[in-house]
Amino acid sequence: RDLAVAYDRLGDVQGDYIGANIGDTQGALESHRRALRLRRALVEQDPTLQARRELLRSCVKLSELLMGQSTVPEALILGREGAQMADSLLQDKEATPLDRRYAAAAYLNYGWAQGLAGDVEPGMKLLEKARKLNEQLAAEDPQDADAQRSLVVVNGRMGDVYSEGVDQPAKALPYYERALKLVEPIAAANPDDAELQR
C-alpha cells in the first residue's frame, strides 16, 4: 500500500493532469499504472473498504490522465471499472461522505469520457449522478470547498459533452453558465487559489 502511494505521488510530480508537474506525462502514466497494479493485487488479497476506495481513486486518476492525452479507449475501460466500483462502494453500509465524493468523481470521469466519445445519453446520465452526489455533499456542509468546486467541474464537463463531444454549443451553454455562476463567488472568496482562478 505504501508503495502504491509512493507511485501515485511520483506520478503527480511527473505529470499531474491539472496541477503543477515536471511535464513527464509518459513517466506519470507508468507510475500511475504501477500504483493501479499494486492496488488491484491488494484488493484481490484483502478487499477492505479502504483498499477498494484507493483502487477506485487509482482508476479515476489514471483515466483522467489518459483522457488528457486523448487516449480515450483505455480511459473508457478504466472509467467503466471505476464507475462499477463506485456503485459497489456506495452500497457498503460503512461508506463515508469521502466515499460518496470518490464515487461522484468516478461517475464524473466515466460520464465525461463517454460523452466526449459520442455516447451522449449514457454519459449525461452518469454526469447527472455525479452532480446529485456533489449537490448532496455541498448541502450537508456548505463550507466544503471541494464539494462546491466539484459542482463547478461537473457542470463544465456536462457542457463539454455537448460542445466538444457532439458540437452542439447551444446545448452546452446553460451548463457553462451554471458553472460560471457557481465558481464566481468561490473564486472571489479565495483569491489566492490558483486552481479556482484558472
Protein backbone atom coordinates (compact mmCIF):
# COMPACT_ATOMS: atom_id res chain seq x y z
CA ARG A 1 0.00 0.00 0.00
CA ASP A 2 2.83 2.40 0.85
CA LEU A 3 4.50 1.63 -2.46
CA ALA A 4 1.27 2.39 -4.33
CA VAL A 5 1.00 5.72 -2.51
CA ALA A 6 4.61 6.49 -3.45
CA TYR A 7 3.97 5.73 -7.12
CA ASP A 8 0.87 7.94 -7.02
CA ARG A 9 2.84 10.85 -5.59
CA LEU A 10 5.64 10.32 -8.10
CA GLY A 11 3.08 10.27 -10.92
CA ASP A 12 1.59 13.55 -9.70
CA VAL A 13 5.02 15.22 -9.68
CA GLN A 14 5.82 13.81 -13.11
CA GLY A 15 2.63 14.83 -14.88
CA ASP A 16 -0.43 15.68 -12.79
CA TYR A 17 -3.41 16.19 -15.10
CA ILE A 18 -4.36 19.63 -13.76
CA GLY A 19 -1.67 20.52 -11.22
CA ALA A 20 1.94 21.67 -11.28
CA ASN A 21 4.30 18.99 -12.62
CA ILE A 22 7.62 18.50 -14.42
CA GLY A 23 6.00 17.61 -17.74
CA ASP A 24 6.88 13.90 -17.87
CA THR A 25 3.48 12.59 -18.94
CA GLN A 26 4.75 9.16 -20.02
CA GLY A 27 6.52 8.74 -16.68
CA ALA A 28 3.32 9.78 -14.90
CA LEU A 29 1.28 7.23 -16.83
CA GLU A 30 3.72 4.45 -15.92
CA SER A 31 3.81 5.46 -12.24
CA HIS A 32 0.00 5.54 -12.02
CA ARG A 33 -0.21 2.20 -13.83
CA ARG A 34 2.15 0.70 -11.24
CA ALA A 35 0.05 2.10 -8.41
CA LEU A 36 -3.07 0.65 -10.05
CA ARG A 37 -1.50 -2.82 -10.41
CA LEU A 38 -0.45 -2.82 -6.76
CA ARG A 39 -3.90 -1.75 -5.61
CA ARG A 40 -5.62 -4.38 -7.72
CA ALA A 41 -3.42 -7.02 -6.08
CA LEU A 42 -4.25 -5.62 -2.64
CA VAL A 43 -7.99 -5.77 -3.29
CA GLU A 44 -7.68 -9.35 -4.52
CA GLN A 45 -5.91 -10.33 -1.29
CA ASP A 46 -7.96 -8.27 1.13
CA PRO A 47 -10.98 -6.38 -0.26
CA THR A 48 -11.39 -3.95 2.64
CA LEU A 49 -13.32 -0.72 2.19
CA GLN A 50 -10.05 1.25 2.36
CA ALA A 51 -8.38 -0.92 -0.29
CA ARG A 52 -11.39 -0.63 -2.63
CA ARG A 53 -11.55 3.13 -2.04
CA GLU A 54 -7.89 3.52 -3.01
CA LEU A 55 -8.31 1.32 -6.08
CA LEU A 56 -11.25 3.46 -7.17
CA ARG A 57 -9.09 6.59 -6.85
CA SER A 58 -6.33 4.98 -8.92
CA CYS A 59 -8.78 4.10 -11.70
CA VAL A 60 -10.14 7.63 -11.78
CA LYS A 61 -6.73 9.31 -11.65
CA LEU A 62 -5.25 7.20 -14.44
CA SER A 63 -8.39 7.51 -16.57
CA GLU A 64 -8.32 11.31 -16.25
CA LEU A 65 -4.65 11.40 -17.22
CA LEU A 66 -5.38 9.21 -20.25
CA MET A 67 -8.27 11.48 -21.27
CA GLY A 68 -5.86 14.43 -21.06
CA GLN A 69 -3.63 12.55 -23.53
CA SER A 70 -6.61 11.72 -25.80
CA THR A 71 -6.15 8.00 -25.11
CA VAL A 72 -9.91 7.55 -25.00
CA PRO A 73 -10.31 3.74 -25.44
CA GLU A 74 -8.12 2.91 -22.42
CA ALA A 75 -9.63 5.78 -20.44
CA LEU A 76 -13.12 4.40 -21.10
CA ILE A 77 -12.16 0.92 -19.85
CA LEU A 78 -10.77 2.34 -16.61
CA GLY A 79 -13.69 4.73 -16.32
CA ARG A 80 -16.17 1.87 -16.54
CA GLU A 81 -14.23 -0.07 -13.91
CA GLY A 82 -14.25 2.99 -11.66
CA ALA A 83 -18.00 3.54 -12.06
CA GLN A 84 -18.69 -0.11 -11.23
CA MET A 85 -16.53 0.16 -8.13
CA ALA A 86 -18.35 3.36 -7.18
CA ASP A 87 -21.69 1.52 -7.33
CA SER A 88 -20.28 -1.16 -5.04
CA LEU A 89 -18.73 1.37 -2.66
CA LEU A 90 -22.00 3.29 -2.26
CA GLN A 91 -23.81 0.08 -1.28
CA ASP A 92 -21.38 -0.57 1.58
CA LYS A 93 -23.10 0.28 4.88
CA GLU A 94 -19.80 1.71 6.18
CA ALA A 95 -19.40 4.11 3.25
CA THR A 96 -18.49 7.65 4.31
CA PRO A 97 -19.03 11.09 2.75
CA LEU A 98 -15.50 10.70 1.38
CA ASP A 99 -16.61 7.52 -0.41
CA ARG A 100 -19.54 9.42 -1.90
CA ARG A 101 -17.09 12.08 -3.10
CA TYR A 102 -14.90 9.39 -4.71
CA ALA A 103 -17.96 7.77 -6.29
CA ALA A 104 -19.05 11.14 -7.70
CA ALA A 105 -15.56 11.60 -9.18
CA ALA A 106 -15.78 8.16 -10.80
CA TYR A 107 -19.20 8.92 -12.35
CA LEU A 108 -17.94 12.32 -13.48
CA ASN A 109 -14.88 10.83 -15.12
CA TYR A 110 -16.64 7.99 -16.91
CA GLY A 111 -19.60 10.11 -17.99
CA TRP A 112 -17.28 12.77 -19.39
CA ALA A 113 -15.24 10.17 -21.28
CA GLN A 114 -18.40 8.57 -22.70
CA GLY A 115 -19.82 11.92 -23.72
CA LEU A 116 -16.64 13.03 -25.46
CA ALA A 117 -16.56 9.68 -27.27
CA GLY A 118 -20.05 10.46 -28.64
CA ASP A 119 -22.20 8.40 -26.23
CA VAL A 120 -24.09 11.44 -25.02
CA GLU A 121 -27.11 9.90 -23.29
CA PRO A 122 -25.28 7.38 -21.04
CA GLY A 123 -22.55 9.95 -20.40
CA MET A 124 -25.02 12.62 -19.30
CA LYS A 125 -26.81 10.13 -17.01
CA LEU A 126 -23.54 9.44 -15.19
CA LEU A 127 -22.69 13.13 -15.03
CA GLU A 128 -26.13 13.76 -13.54
CA LYS A 129 -25.42 11.11 -10.86
CA ALA A 130 -22.16 12.92 -10.10
CA ARG A 131 -23.93 16.26 -9.90
CA LYS A 132 -26.59 14.94 -7.49
CA LEU A 133 -23.98 13.39 -5.20
CA ASN A 134 -21.99 16.63 -5.14
CA GLU A 135 -25.13 18.68 -4.51
CA GLN A 136 -25.90 16.44 -1.50
CA LEU A 137 -22.35 16.82 -0.18
CA ALA A 138 -22.44 20.60 -0.66
CA ALA A 139 -25.84 20.84 1.09
CA GLU A 140 -24.61 18.75 4.03
CA ASP A 141 -21.59 21.03 4.50
CA PRO A 142 -21.87 24.45 2.82
CA GLN A 143 -18.28 25.19 3.90
CA ASP A 144 -16.96 22.20 1.94
CA ALA A 145 -14.95 23.93 -0.79
CA ASP A 146 -14.20 20.64 -2.56
CA ALA A 147 -17.90 19.84 -2.96
CA GLN A 148 -18.55 23.35 -4.29
CA ARG A 149 -15.62 23.06 -6.71
CA SER A 150 -16.83 19.64 -7.85
CA LEU A 151 -20.21 21.13 -8.75
CA VAL A 152 -18.43 23.65 -10.94
CA VAL A 153 -16.41 20.90 -12.64
CA VAL A 154 -19.38 18.60 -13.26
CA ASN A 155 -21.40 21.39 -14.86
CA GLY A 156 -18.43 22.36 -17.01
CA ARG A 157 -17.93 18.78 -18.14
CA MET A 158 -21.63 18.46 -18.97
CA GLY A 159 -21.12 21.45 -21.22
CA ASP A 160 -18.02 19.82 -22.71
CA VAL A 161 -20.06 16.78 -23.73
CA TYR A 162 -22.23 18.99 -25.93
CA SER A 163 -19.61 21.48 -27.13
CA GLU A 164 -16.67 19.12 -27.70
CA GLY A 165 -18.34 15.72 -27.91
CA VAL A 166 -21.11 16.40 -30.42
CA ASP A 167 -20.54 20.06 -31.47
CA GLN A 168 -23.83 21.41 -30.10
CA PRO A 169 -22.75 24.65 -28.39
CA ALA A 170 -26.32 25.86 -27.80
CA LYS A 171 -26.95 22.83 -25.58
CA ALA A 172 -23.60 23.35 -23.83
CA LEU A 173 -24.23 27.00 -22.94
CA PRO A 174 -26.62 26.53 -19.96
CA TYR A 175 -24.14 24.16 -18.28
CA TYR A 176 -21.25 26.58 -18.75
CA GLU A 177 -23.40 29.45 -17.45
CA ARG A 178 -24.28 27.40 -14.36
CA ALA A 179 -20.62 26.54 -13.81
CA LEU A 180 -19.64 30.21 -14.09
CA LYS A 181 -22.39 31.28 -11.67
CA LEU A 182 -21.15 28.69 -9.15
CA VAL A 183 -17.44 29.43 -9.46
CA GLU A 184 -17.51 33.24 -9.34
CA PRO A 185 -18.35 33.57 -5.60
CA ILE A 186 -15.96 30.75 -4.64
CA ALA A 187 -13.12 32.30 -6.66
CA ALA A 188 -13.85 35.74 -5.18
CA ALA A 189 -13.69 34.30 -1.66
CA ASN A 190 -10.39 32.51 -2.43
CA PRO A 191 -8.25 34.97 -4.41
CA ASP A 192 -5.03 33.02 -3.71
CA ASP A 193 -6.35 29.69 -5.01
CA ALA A 194 -4.72 29.32 -8.44
CA GLU A 195 -6.93 26.41 -9.47
CA LEU A 196 -10.14 28.33 -8.77
CA GLN A 197 -8.82 31.42 -10.53
CA ARG A 198 -7.86 29.33 -13.57
